[in-house]
Amino acid sequence: LFKKKPSLADRCKAYLKLGPPSSMSNYVPGSLTEIIIGH
């Protein structure tokens, strides 16, 4: 209940580090969405 939510930057880093699920067949590395999340 009192845990601090990770910062936006930390959540973006975690998203990029985790990457897409292995079942995703149309993944585009370096997409504009990934570039935005990288920012």
ModelCIF file with pLDDT and N, C-alpha, C, O atoms, coordinates in Angstrom:
data_MODEL
#
_entry.id   MODEL 
#
_entity.id                         1 
_entity.type                       polymer 
_entity.pdbx_number_of_molecules   1 
#
_entity_poly.entity_id                      1 
_entity_poly.type                           'polypeptide(L)' 
_entity_poly.nstd_linkage                   no 
_entity_poly.nstd_monomer                   no 
_entity_poly.pdbx_seq_one_letter_code       LFKKKPSLADRCKAYLKLGPPSSMSNYVPGSLTEIIIGH 
_entity_poly.pdbx_seq_one_letter_code_can   LFKKKPSLADRCKAYLKLGPPSSMSNYVPGSLTEIIIGH 
_entity_poly.pdbx_strand_id                 A 
#
loop_
_entity_poly_seq.entity_id 
_entity_poly_seq.num 
_entity_poly_seq.mon_id 
_entity_poly_seq.hetero 
1 1  LEU n 
1 2  PHE n 
1 3  LYS n 
1 4  LYS n 
1 5  LYS n 
1 6  PRO n 
1 7  SER n 
1 8  LEU n 
1 9  ALA n 
1 10 ASP n 
1 11 ARG n 
1 12 CYS n 
1 13 LYS n 
1 14 ALA n 
1 15 TYR n 
1 16 LEU n 
1 17 LYS n 
1 18 LEU n 
1 19 GLY n 
1 20 PRO n 
1 21 PRO n 
1 22 SER n 
1 23 SER n 
1 24 MET n 
1 25 SER n 
1 26 ASN n 
1 27 TYR n 
1 28 VAL n 
1 29 PRO n 
1 30 GLY n 
1 31 SER n 
1 32 LEU n 
1 33 THR n 
1 34 GLU n 
1 35 ILE n 
1 36 ILE n 
1 37 ILE n 
1 38 GLY n 
1 39 HIS n 
#
_struct_asym.id          A 
_struct_asym.entity_id   1 
#
loop_
_ma_qa_metric.id 
_ma_qa_metric.mode 
_ma_qa_metric.name 
_ma_qa_metric.software_group_id 
_ma_qa_metric.type 
1 global pLDDT . pLDDT 
2 local  pLDDT . pLDDT 
#
_ma_qa_metric_global.metric_id      1 
_ma_qa_metric_global.metric_value   91.26 
_ma_qa_metric_global.model_id       1 
_ma_qa_metric_global.ordinal_id     1 
#
loop_
_ma_qa_metric_local.label_asym_id 
_ma_qa_metric_local.label_comp_id 
_ma_qa_metric_local.label_seq_id 
_ma_qa_metric_local.metric_id 
_ma_qa_metric_local.metric_value 
_ma_qa_metric_local.model_id 
_ma_qa_metric_local.ordinal_id 
A LEU 1  2 61.00 1 1  
A PHE 2  2 62.00 1 2  
A LYS 3  2 71.00 1 3  
A LYS 4  2 80.00 1 4  
A LYS 5  2 83.00 1 5  
A PRO 6  2 91.00 1 6  
A SER 7  2 95.00 1 7  
A LEU 8  2 96.00 1 8  
A ALA 9  2 97.00 1 9  
A ASP 10 2 97.00 1 10 
A ARG 11 2 97.00 1 11 
A CYS 12 2 98.00 1 12 
A LYS 13 2 98.00 1 13 
A ALA 14 2 97.00 1 14 
A TYR 15 2 97.00 1 15 
A LEU 16 2 97.00 1 16 
A LYS 17 2 96.00 1 17 
A LEU 18 2 95.00 1 18 
A GLY 19 2 94.00 1 19 
A PRO 20 2 95.00 1 20 
A PRO 21 2 94.00 1 21 
A SER 22 2 93.00 1 22 
A SER 23 2 92.00 1 23 
A MET 24 2 90.00 1 24 
A SER 25 2 88.00 1 25 
A ASN 26 2 86.00 1 26 
A TYR 27 2 88.00 1 27 
A VAL 28 2 86.00 1 28 
A PRO 29 2 88.00 1 29 
A GLY 30 2 91.00 1 30 
A SER 31 2 93.00 1 31 
A LEU 32 2 94.00 1 32 
A THR 33 2 94.00 1 33 
A GLU 34 2 96.00 1 34 
A ILE 35 2 97.00 1 35 
A ILE 36 2 98.00 1 36 
A ILE 37 2 98.00 1 37 
A GLY 38 2 98.00 1 38 
A HIS 39 2 98.00 1 39 
#
loop_
_atom_site.group_PDB 
_atom_site.id 
_atom_site.type_symbol 
_atom_site.label_atom_id 
_atom_site.label_alt_id 
_atom_site.label_comp_id 
_atom_site.label_asym_id 
_atom_site.label_entity_id 
_atom_site.label_seq_id 
_atom_site.pdbx_PDB_ins_code 
_atom_site.Cartn_x 
_atom_site.Cartn_y 
_atom_site.Cartn_z 
_atom_site.occupancy 
_atom_site.B_iso_or_equiv 
_atom_site.pdbx_formal_charge 
_atom_site.auth_seq_id 
_atom_site.auth_comp_id 
_atom_site.auth_asym_id 
_atom_site.auth_atom_id 
_atom_site.pdbx_PDB_model_num 
ATOM 1   N N  . LEU A 1 1  ? 0.820  -1.197  0.000   1.00 61.00 ? 1  LEU A N  1 
ATOM 2   C CA . LEU A 1 1  ? 0.000  0.000   0.000   1.00 61.00 ? 1  LEU A CA 1 
ATOM 3   C C  . LEU A 1 1  ? 0.862  1.259   0.000   1.00 61.00 ? 1  LEU A C  1 
ATOM 4   O O  . LEU A 1 1  ? 0.499  2.261   -0.616  1.00 61.00 ? 1  LEU A O  1 
ATOM 5   N N  . PHE A 1 2  ? 1.978  1.211   0.675   1.00 62.00 ? 2  PHE A N  1 
ATOM 6   C CA . PHE A 1 2  ? 2.805  2.395   0.799   1.00 62.00 ? 2  PHE A CA 1 
ATOM 7   C C  . PHE A 1 2  ? 4.081  2.312   -0.038  1.00 62.00 ? 2  PHE A C  1 
ATOM 8   O O  . PHE A 1 2  ? 4.984  3.133   0.123   1.00 62.00 ? 2  PHE A O  1 
ATOM 9   N N  . LYS A 1 3  ? 4.157  1.338   -0.919  1.00 71.00 ? 3  LYS A N  1 
ATOM 10  C CA . LYS A 1 3  ? 5.324  1.256   -1.797  1.00 71.00 ? 3  LYS A CA 1 
ATOM 11  C C  . LYS A 1 3  ? 5.278  2.384   -2.806  1.00 71.00 ? 3  LYS A C  1 
ATOM 12  O O  . LYS A 1 3  ? 4.223  2.715   -3.346  1.00 71.00 ? 3  LYS A O  1 
ATOM 13  N N  . LYS A 1 4  ? 6.432  2.965   -3.049  1.00 80.00 ? 4  LYS A N  1 
ATOM 14  C CA . LYS A 1 4  ? 6.538  4.051   -4.008  1.00 80.00 ? 4  LYS A CA 1 
ATOM 15  C C  . LYS A 1 4  ? 6.511  3.476   -5.422  1.00 80.00 ? 4  LYS A C  1 
ATOM 16  O O  . LYS A 1 4  ? 7.219  2.516   -5.724  1.00 80.00 ? 4  LYS A O  1 
ATOM 17  N N  . LYS A 1 5  ? 5.700  4.063   -6.271  1.00 83.00 ? 5  LYS A N  1 
ATOM 18  C CA . LYS A 1 5  ? 5.625  3.643   -7.665  1.00 83.00 ? 5  LYS A CA 1 
ATOM 19  C C  . LYS A 1 5  ? 6.939  4.013   -8.348  1.00 83.00 ? 5  LYS A C  1 
ATOM 20  O O  . LYS A 1 5  ? 7.437  5.124   -8.163  1.00 83.00 ? 5  LYS A O  1 
ATOM 21  N N  . PRO A 1 6  ? 7.512  3.090   -9.141  1.00 91.00 ? 6  PRO A N  1 
ATOM 22  C CA . PRO A 1 6  ? 8.758  3.427   -9.846  1.00 91.00 ? 6  PRO A CA 1 
ATOM 23  C C  . PRO A 1 6  ? 8.553  4.648   -10.739 1.00 91.00 ? 6  PRO A C  1 
ATOM 24  O O  . PRO A 1 6  ? 7.455  4.892   -11.238 1.00 91.00 ? 6  PRO A O  1 
ATOM 25  N N  . SER A 1 7  ? 9.614  5.398   -10.927 1.00 95.00 ? 7  SER A N  1 
ATOM 26  C CA . SER A 1 7  ? 9.529  6.600   -11.757 1.00 95.00 ? 7  SER A CA 1 
ATOM 27  C C  . SER A 1 7  ? 9.219  6.216   -13.204 1.00 95.00 ? 7  SER A C  1 
ATOM 28  O O  . SER A 1 7  ? 9.391  5.068   -13.612 1.00 95.00 ? 7  SER A O  1 
ATOM 29  N N  . LEU A 1 8  ? 8.763  7.197   -13.957 1.00 96.00 ? 8  LEU A N  1 
ATOM 30  C CA . LEU A 1 8  ? 8.482  6.972   -15.376 1.00 96.00 ? 8  LEU A CA 1 
ATOM 31  C C  . LEU A 1 8  ? 9.743  6.488   -16.088 1.00 96.00 ? 8  LEU A C  1 
ATOM 32  O O  . LEU A 1 8  ? 9.680  5.560   -16.894 1.00 96.00 ? 8  LEU A O  1 
ATOM 33  N N  . ALA A 1 9  ? 10.876 7.105   -15.800 1.00 97.00 ? 9  ALA A N  1 
ATOM 34  C CA . ALA A 1 9  ? 12.135 6.698   -16.436 1.00 97.00 ? 9  ALA A CA 1 
ATOM 35  C C  . ALA A 1 9  ? 12.463 5.239   -16.110 1.00 97.00 ? 9  ALA A C  1 
ATOM 36  O O  . ALA A 1 9  ? 12.878 4.486   -16.991 1.00 97.00 ? 9  ALA A O  1 
ATOM 37  N N  . ASP A 1 10 ? 12.281 4.846   -14.867 1.00 97.00 ? 10 ASP A N  1 
ATOM 38  C CA . ASP A 1 10 ? 12.565 3.461   -14.471 1.00 97.00 ? 10 ASP A CA 1 
ATOM 39  C C  . ASP A 1 10 ? 11.615 2.480   -15.153 1.00 97.00 ? 10 ASP A C  1 
ATOM 40  O O  . ASP A 1 10 ? 12.024 1.394   -15.565 1.00 97.00 ? 10 ASP A O  1 
ATOM 41  N N  . ARG A 1 11 ? 10.347 2.867   -15.270 1.00 97.00 ? 11 ARG A N  1 
ATOM 42  C CA . ARG A 1 11 ? 9.389  1.972   -15.935 1.00 97.00 ? 11 ARG A CA 1 
ATOM 43  C C  . ARG A 1 11 ? 9.697  1.857   -17.426 1.00 97.00 ? 11 ARG A C  1 
ATOM 44  O O  . ARG A 1 11 ? 9.530  0.790   -18.016 1.00 97.00 ? 11 ARG A O  1 
ATOM 45  N N  . CYS A 1 12 ? 10.148 2.954   -18.033 1.00 98.00 ? 12 CYS A N  1 
ATOM 46  C CA . CYS A 1 12 ? 10.544 2.912   -19.449 1.00 98.00 ? 12 CYS A CA 1 
ATOM 47  C C  . CYS A 1 12 ? 11.756 2.011   -19.635 1.00 98.00 ? 12 CYS A C  1 
ATOM 48  O O  . CYS A 1 12 ? 11.799 1.208   -20.567 1.00 98.00 ? 12 CYS A O  1 
ATOM 49  N N  . LYS A 1 13 ? 12.742 2.143   -18.749 1.00 98.00 ? 13 LYS A N  1 
ATOM 50  C CA . LYS A 1 13 ? 13.935 1.295   -18.825 1.00 98.00 ? 13 LYS A CA 1 
ATOM 51  C C  . LYS A 1 13 ? 13.571 -0.175  -18.683 1.00 98.00 ? 13 LYS A C  1 
ATOM 52  O O  . LYS A 1 13 ? 14.080 -1.019  -19.421 1.00 98.00 ? 13 LYS A O  1 
ATOM 53  N N  . ALA A 1 14 ? 12.697 -0.480  -17.742 1.00 97.00 ? 14 ALA A N  1 
ATOM 54  C CA . ALA A 1 14 ? 12.291 -1.869  -17.522 1.00 97.00 ? 14 ALA A CA 1 
ATOM 55  C C  . ALA A 1 14 ? 11.562 -2.427  -18.743 1.00 97.00 ? 14 ALA A C  1 
ATOM 56  O O  . ALA A 1 14 ? 11.771 -3.577  -19.126 1.00 97.00 ? 14 ALA A O  1 
ATOM 57  N N  . TYR A 1 15 ? 10.711 -1.611  -19.346 1.00 97.00 ? 15 TYR A N  1 
ATOM 58  C CA . TYR A 1 15 ? 9.964  -2.027  -20.542 1.00 97.00 ? 15 TYR A CA 1 
ATOM 59  C C  . TYR A 1 15 ? 10.923 -2.355  -21.682 1.00 97.00 ? 15 TYR A C  1 
ATOM 60  O O  . TYR A 1 15 ? 10.777 -3.376  -22.353 1.00 97.00 ? 15 TYR A O  1 
ATOM 61  N N  . LEU A 1 16 ? 11.900 -1.484  -21.892 1.00 97.00 ? 16 LEU A N  1 
ATOM 62  C CA . LEU A 1 16 ? 12.860 -1.701  -22.972 1.00 97.00 ? 16 LEU A CA 1 
ATOM 63  C C  . LEU A 1 16 ? 13.768 -2.890  -22.679 1.00 97.00 ? 16 LEU A C  1 
ATOM 64  O O  . LEU A 1 16 ? 14.111 -3.646  -23.587 1.00 97.00 ? 16 LEU A O  1 
ATOM 65  N N  . LYS A 1 17 ? 14.152 -3.057  -21.442 1.00 96.00 ? 17 LYS A N  1 
ATOM 66  C CA . LYS A 1 17 ? 15.024 -4.177  -21.064 1.00 96.00 ? 17 LYS A CA 1 
ATOM 67  C C  . LYS A 1 17 ? 14.300 -5.511  -21.228 1.00 96.00 ? 17 LYS A C  1 
ATOM 68  O O  . LYS A 1 17 ? 14.872 -6.476  -21.734 1.00 96.00 ? 17 LYS A O  1 
ATOM 69  N N  . LEU A 1 18 ? 13.062 -5.557  -20.804 1.00 95.00 ? 18 LEU A N  1 
ATOM 70  C CA . LEU A 1 18 ? 12.285 -6.795  -20.901 1.00 95.00 ? 18 LEU A CA 1 
ATOM 71  C C  . LEU A 1 18 ? 12.025 -7.164  -22.365 1.00 95.00 ? 18 LEU A C  1 
ATOM 72  O O  . LEU A 1 18 ? 12.097 -8.333  -22.743 1.00 95.00 ? 18 LEU A O  1 
ATOM 73  N N  . GLY A 1 19 ? 11.725 -6.164  -23.167 1.00 94.00 ? 19 GLY A N  1 
ATOM 74  C CA . GLY A 1 19 ? 11.458 -6.411  -24.583 1.00 94.00 ? 19 GLY A CA 1 
ATOM 75  C C  . GLY A 1 19 ? 10.131 -7.116  -24.807 1.00 94.00 ? 19 GLY A C  1 
ATOM 76  O O  . GLY A 1 19 ? 9.385  -7.371  -23.862 1.00 94.00 ? 19 GLY A O  1 
ATOM 77  N N  . PRO A 1 20 ? 9.842  -7.429  -26.064 1.00 95.00 ? 20 PRO A N  1 
ATOM 78  C CA . PRO A 1 20 ? 8.553  -8.028  -26.397 1.00 95.00 ? 20 PRO A CA 1 
ATOM 79  C C  . PRO A 1 20 ? 8.490  -9.499  -26.005 1.00 95.00 ? 20 PRO A C  1 
ATOM 80  O O  . PRO A 1 20 ? 9.520  -10.146 -25.813 1.00 95.00 ? 20 PRO A O  1 
ATOM 81  N N  . PRO A 1 21 ? 7.276  -10.018 -25.887 1.00 94.00 ? 21 PRO A N  1 
ATOM 82  C CA . PRO A 1 21 ? 7.151  -11.454 -25.622 1.00 94.00 ? 21 PRO A CA 1 
ATOM 83  C C  . PRO A 1 21 ? 7.675  -12.252 -26.824 1.00 94.00 ? 21 PRO A C  1 
ATOM 84  O O  . PRO A 1 21 ? 7.602  -11.796 -27.965 1.00 94.00 ? 21 PRO A O  1 
ATOM 85  N N  . SER A 1 22 ? 8.187  -13.417 -26.555 1.00 93.00 ? 22 SER A N  1 
ATOM 86  C CA . SER A 1 22 ? 8.766  -14.237 -27.624 1.00 93.00 ? 22 SER A CA 1 
ATOM 87  C C  . SER A 1 22 ? 7.729  -14.621 -28.676 1.00 93.00 ? 22 SER A C  1 
ATOM 88  O O  . SER A 1 22 ? 8.086  -14.955 -29.806 1.00 93.00 ? 22 SER A O  1 
ATOM 89  N N  . SER A 1 23 ? 6.466  -14.577 -28.317 1.00 92.00 ? 23 SER A N  1 
ATOM 90  C CA . SER A 1 23 ? 5.400  -14.953 -29.249 1.00 92.00 ? 23 SER A CA 1 
ATOM 91  C C  . SER A 1 23 ? 5.038  -13.841 -30.228 1.00 92.00 ? 23 SER A C  1 
ATOM 92  O O  . SER A 1 23 ? 4.208  -14.042 -31.115 1.00 92.00 ? 23 SER A O  1 
ATOM 93  N N  . MET A 1 24 ? 5.654  -12.671 -30.074 1.00 90.00 ? 24 MET A N  1 
ATOM 94  C CA . MET A 1 24 ? 5.311  -11.539 -30.943 1.00 90.00 ? 24 MET A CA 1 
ATOM 95  C C  . MET A 1 24 ? 6.035  -11.692 -32.281 1.00 90.00 ? 24 MET A C  1 
ATOM 96  O O  . MET A 1 24 ? 7.260  -11.597 -32.349 1.00 90.00 ? 24 MET A O  1 
ATOM 97  N N  . SER A 1 25 ? 5.271  -11.929 -33.329 1.00 88.00 ? 25 SER A N  1 
ATOM 98  C CA . SER A 1 25 ? 5.868  -12.239 -34.628 1.00 88.00 ? 25 SER A CA 1 
ATOM 99  C C  . SER A 1 25 ? 6.168  -11.005 -35.476 1.00 88.00 ? 25 SER A C  1 
ATOM 100 O O  . SER A 1 25 ? 6.966  -11.083 -36.409 1.00 88.00 ? 25 SER A O  1 
ATOM 101 N N  . ASN A 1 26 ? 5.546  -9.875  -35.169 1.00 86.00 ? 26 ASN A N  1 
ATOM 102 C CA . ASN A 1 26 ? 5.746  -8.691  -36.013 1.00 86.00 ? 26 ASN A CA 1 
ATOM 103 C C  . ASN A 1 26 ? 6.485  -7.571  -35.285 1.00 86.00 ? 26 ASN A C  1 
ATOM 104 O O  . ASN A 1 26 ? 6.237  -6.392  -35.537 1.00 86.00 ? 26 ASN A O  1 
ATOM 105 N N  . TYR A 1 27 ? 7.383  -7.940  -34.394 1.00 88.00 ? 27 TYR A N  1 
ATOM 106 C CA . TYR A 1 27 ? 8.169  -6.972  -33.618 1.00 88.00 ? 27 TYR A CA 1 
ATOM 107 C C  . TYR A 1 27 ? 9.132  -6.227  -34.539 1.00 88.00 ? 27 TYR A C  1 
ATOM 108 O O  . TYR A 1 27 ? 9.804  -6.829  -35.376 1.00 88.00 ? 27 TYR A O  1 
ATOM 109 N N  . VAL A 1 28 ? 9.187  -4.903  -34.368 1.00 86.00 ? 28 VAL A N  1 
ATOM 110 C CA . VAL A 1 28 ? 10.091 -4.065  -35.157 1.00 86.00 ? 28 VAL A CA 1 
ATOM 111 C C  . VAL A 1 28 ? 11.082 -3.403  -34.201 1.00 86.00 ? 28 VAL A C  1 
ATOM 112 O O  . VAL A 1 28 ? 10.727 -2.444  -33.516 1.00 86.00 ? 28 VAL A O  1 
ATOM 113 N N  . PRO A 1 29 ? 12.323 -3.901  -34.145 1.00 88.00 ? 29 PRO A N  1 
ATOM 114 C CA . PRO A 1 29 ? 13.303 -3.267  -33.260 1.00 88.00 ? 29 PRO A CA 1 
ATOM 115 C C  . PRO A 1 29 ? 13.592 -1.842  -33.713 1.00 88.00 ? 29 PRO A C  1 
ATOM 116 O O  . PRO A 1 29 ? 13.675 -1.563  -34.909 1.00 88.00 ? 29 PRO A O  1 
ATOM 117 N N  . GLY A 1 30 ? 13.743 -0.949  -32.749 1.00 91.00 ? 30 GLY A N  1 
ATOM 118 C CA . GLY A 1 30 ? 14.047 0.442   -33.074 1.00 91.00 ? 30 GLY A CA 1 
ATOM 119 C C  . GLY A 1 30 ? 12.872 1.209   -33.641 1.00 91.00 ? 30 GLY A C  1 
ATOM 120 O O  . GLY A 1 30 ? 13.054 2.207   -34.339 1.00 91.00 ? 30 GLY A O  1 
ATOM 121 N N  . SER A 1 31 ? 11.667 0.749   -33.346 1.00 93.00 ? 31 SER A N  1 
ATOM 122 C CA . SER A 1 31 ? 10.466 1.441   -33.838 1.00 93.00 ? 31 SER A CA 1 
ATOM 123 C C  . SER A 1 31 ? 10.378 2.830   -33.229 1.00 93.00 ? 31 SER A C  1 
ATOM 124 O O  . SER A 1 31 ? 11.049 3.125   -32.240 1.00 93.00 ? 31 SER A O  1 
ATOM 125 N N  . LEU A 1 32 ? 9.559  3.671   -33.814 1.00 94.00 ? 32 LEU A N  1 
ATOM 126 C CA . LEU A 1 32 ? 9.377  5.020   -33.271 1.00 94.00 ? 32 LEU A CA 1 
ATOM 127 C C  . LEU A 1 32 ? 8.823  4.975   -31.855 1.00 94.00 ? 32 LEU A C  1 
ATOM 128 O O  . LEU A 1 32 ? 9.159  5.823   -31.029 1.00 94.00 ? 32 LEU A O  1 
ATOM 129 N N  . THR A 1 33 ? 7.978  3.995   -31.572 1.00 94.00 ? 33 THR A N  1 
ATOM 130 C CA . THR A 1 33 ? 7.452  3.843   -30.213 1.00 94.00 ? 33 THR A CA 1 
ATOM 131 C C  . THR A 1 33 ? 8.595  3.563   -29.243 1.00 94.00 ? 33 THR A C  1 
ATOM 132 O O  . THR A 1 33 ? 8.645  4.141   -28.158 1.00 94.00 ? 33 THR A O  1 
ATOM 133 N N  . GLU A 1 34 ? 9.510  2.680   -29.629 1.00 96.00 ? 34 GLU A N  1 
ATOM 134 C CA . GLU A 1 34 ? 10.664 2.386   -28.775 1.00 96.00 ? 34 GLU A CA 1 
ATOM 135 C C  . GLU A 1 34 ? 11.560 3.613   -28.618 1.00 96.00 ? 34 GLU A C  1 
ATOM 136 O O  . GLU A 1 34 ? 12.114 3.840   -27.542 1.00 96.00 ? 34 GLU A O  1 
ATOM 137 N N  . ILE A 1 35 ? 11.703 4.390   -29.664 1.00 97.00 ? 35 ILE A N  1 
ATOM 138 C CA . ILE A 1 35 ? 12.521 5.607   -29.585 1.00 97.00 ? 35 ILE A CA 1 
ATOM 139 C C  . ILE A 1 35 ? 11.904 6.584   -28.580 1.00 97.00 ? 35 ILE A C  1 
ATOM 140 O O  . ILE A 1 35 ? 12.614 7.194   -27.780 1.00 97.00 ? 35 ILE A O  1 
ATOM 141 N N  . ILE A 1 36 ? 10.588 6.724   -28.630 1.00 98.00 ? 36 ILE A N  1 
ATOM 142 C CA . ILE A 1 36 ? 9.889  7.608   -27.686 1.00 98.00 ? 36 ILE A CA 1 
ATOM 143 C C  . ILE A 1 36 ? 10.078 7.098   -26.261 1.00 98.00 ? 36 ILE A C  1 
ATOM 144 O O  . ILE A 1 36 ? 10.371 7.878   -25.355 1.00 98.00 ? 36 ILE A O  1 
ATOM 145 N N  . ILE A 1 37 ? 9.914  5.796   -26.061 1.00 98.00 ? 37 ILE A N  1 
ATOM 146 C CA . ILE A 1 37 ? 10.081 5.221   -24.723 1.00 98.00 ? 37 ILE A CA 1 
ATOM 147 C C  . ILE A 1 37 ? 11.538 5.342   -24.274 1.00 98.00 ? 37 ILE A C  1 
ATOM 148 O O  . ILE A 1 37 ? 11.808 5.519   -23.086 1.00 98.00 ? 37 ILE A O  1 
ATOM 149 N N  . GLY A 1 38 ? 12.468 5.249   -25.211 1.00 98.00 ? 38 GLY A N  1 
ATOM 150 C CA . GLY A 1 38 ? 13.881 5.464   -24.890 1.00 98.00 ? 38 GLY A CA 1 
ATOM 151 C C  . GLY A 1 38 ? 14.137 6.881   -24.399 1.00 98.00 ? 38 GLY A C  1 
ATOM 152 O O  . GLY A 1 38 ? 14.934 7.093   -23.485 1.00 98.00 ? 38 GLY A O  1 
ATOM 153 N N  . HIS A 1 39 ? 13.460 7.849   -25.007 1.00 98.00 ? 39 HIS A N  1 
ATOM 154 C CA . HIS A 1 39 ? 13.577 9.232   -24.526 1.00 98.00 ? 39 HIS A CA 1 
ATOM 155 C C  . HIS A 1 39 ? 13.055 9.325   -23.094 1.00 98.00 ? 39 HIS A C  1 
ATOM 156 O O  . HIS A 1 39 ? 13.065 10.405  -22.503 1.00 98.00 ? 39 HIS A O  1 
#
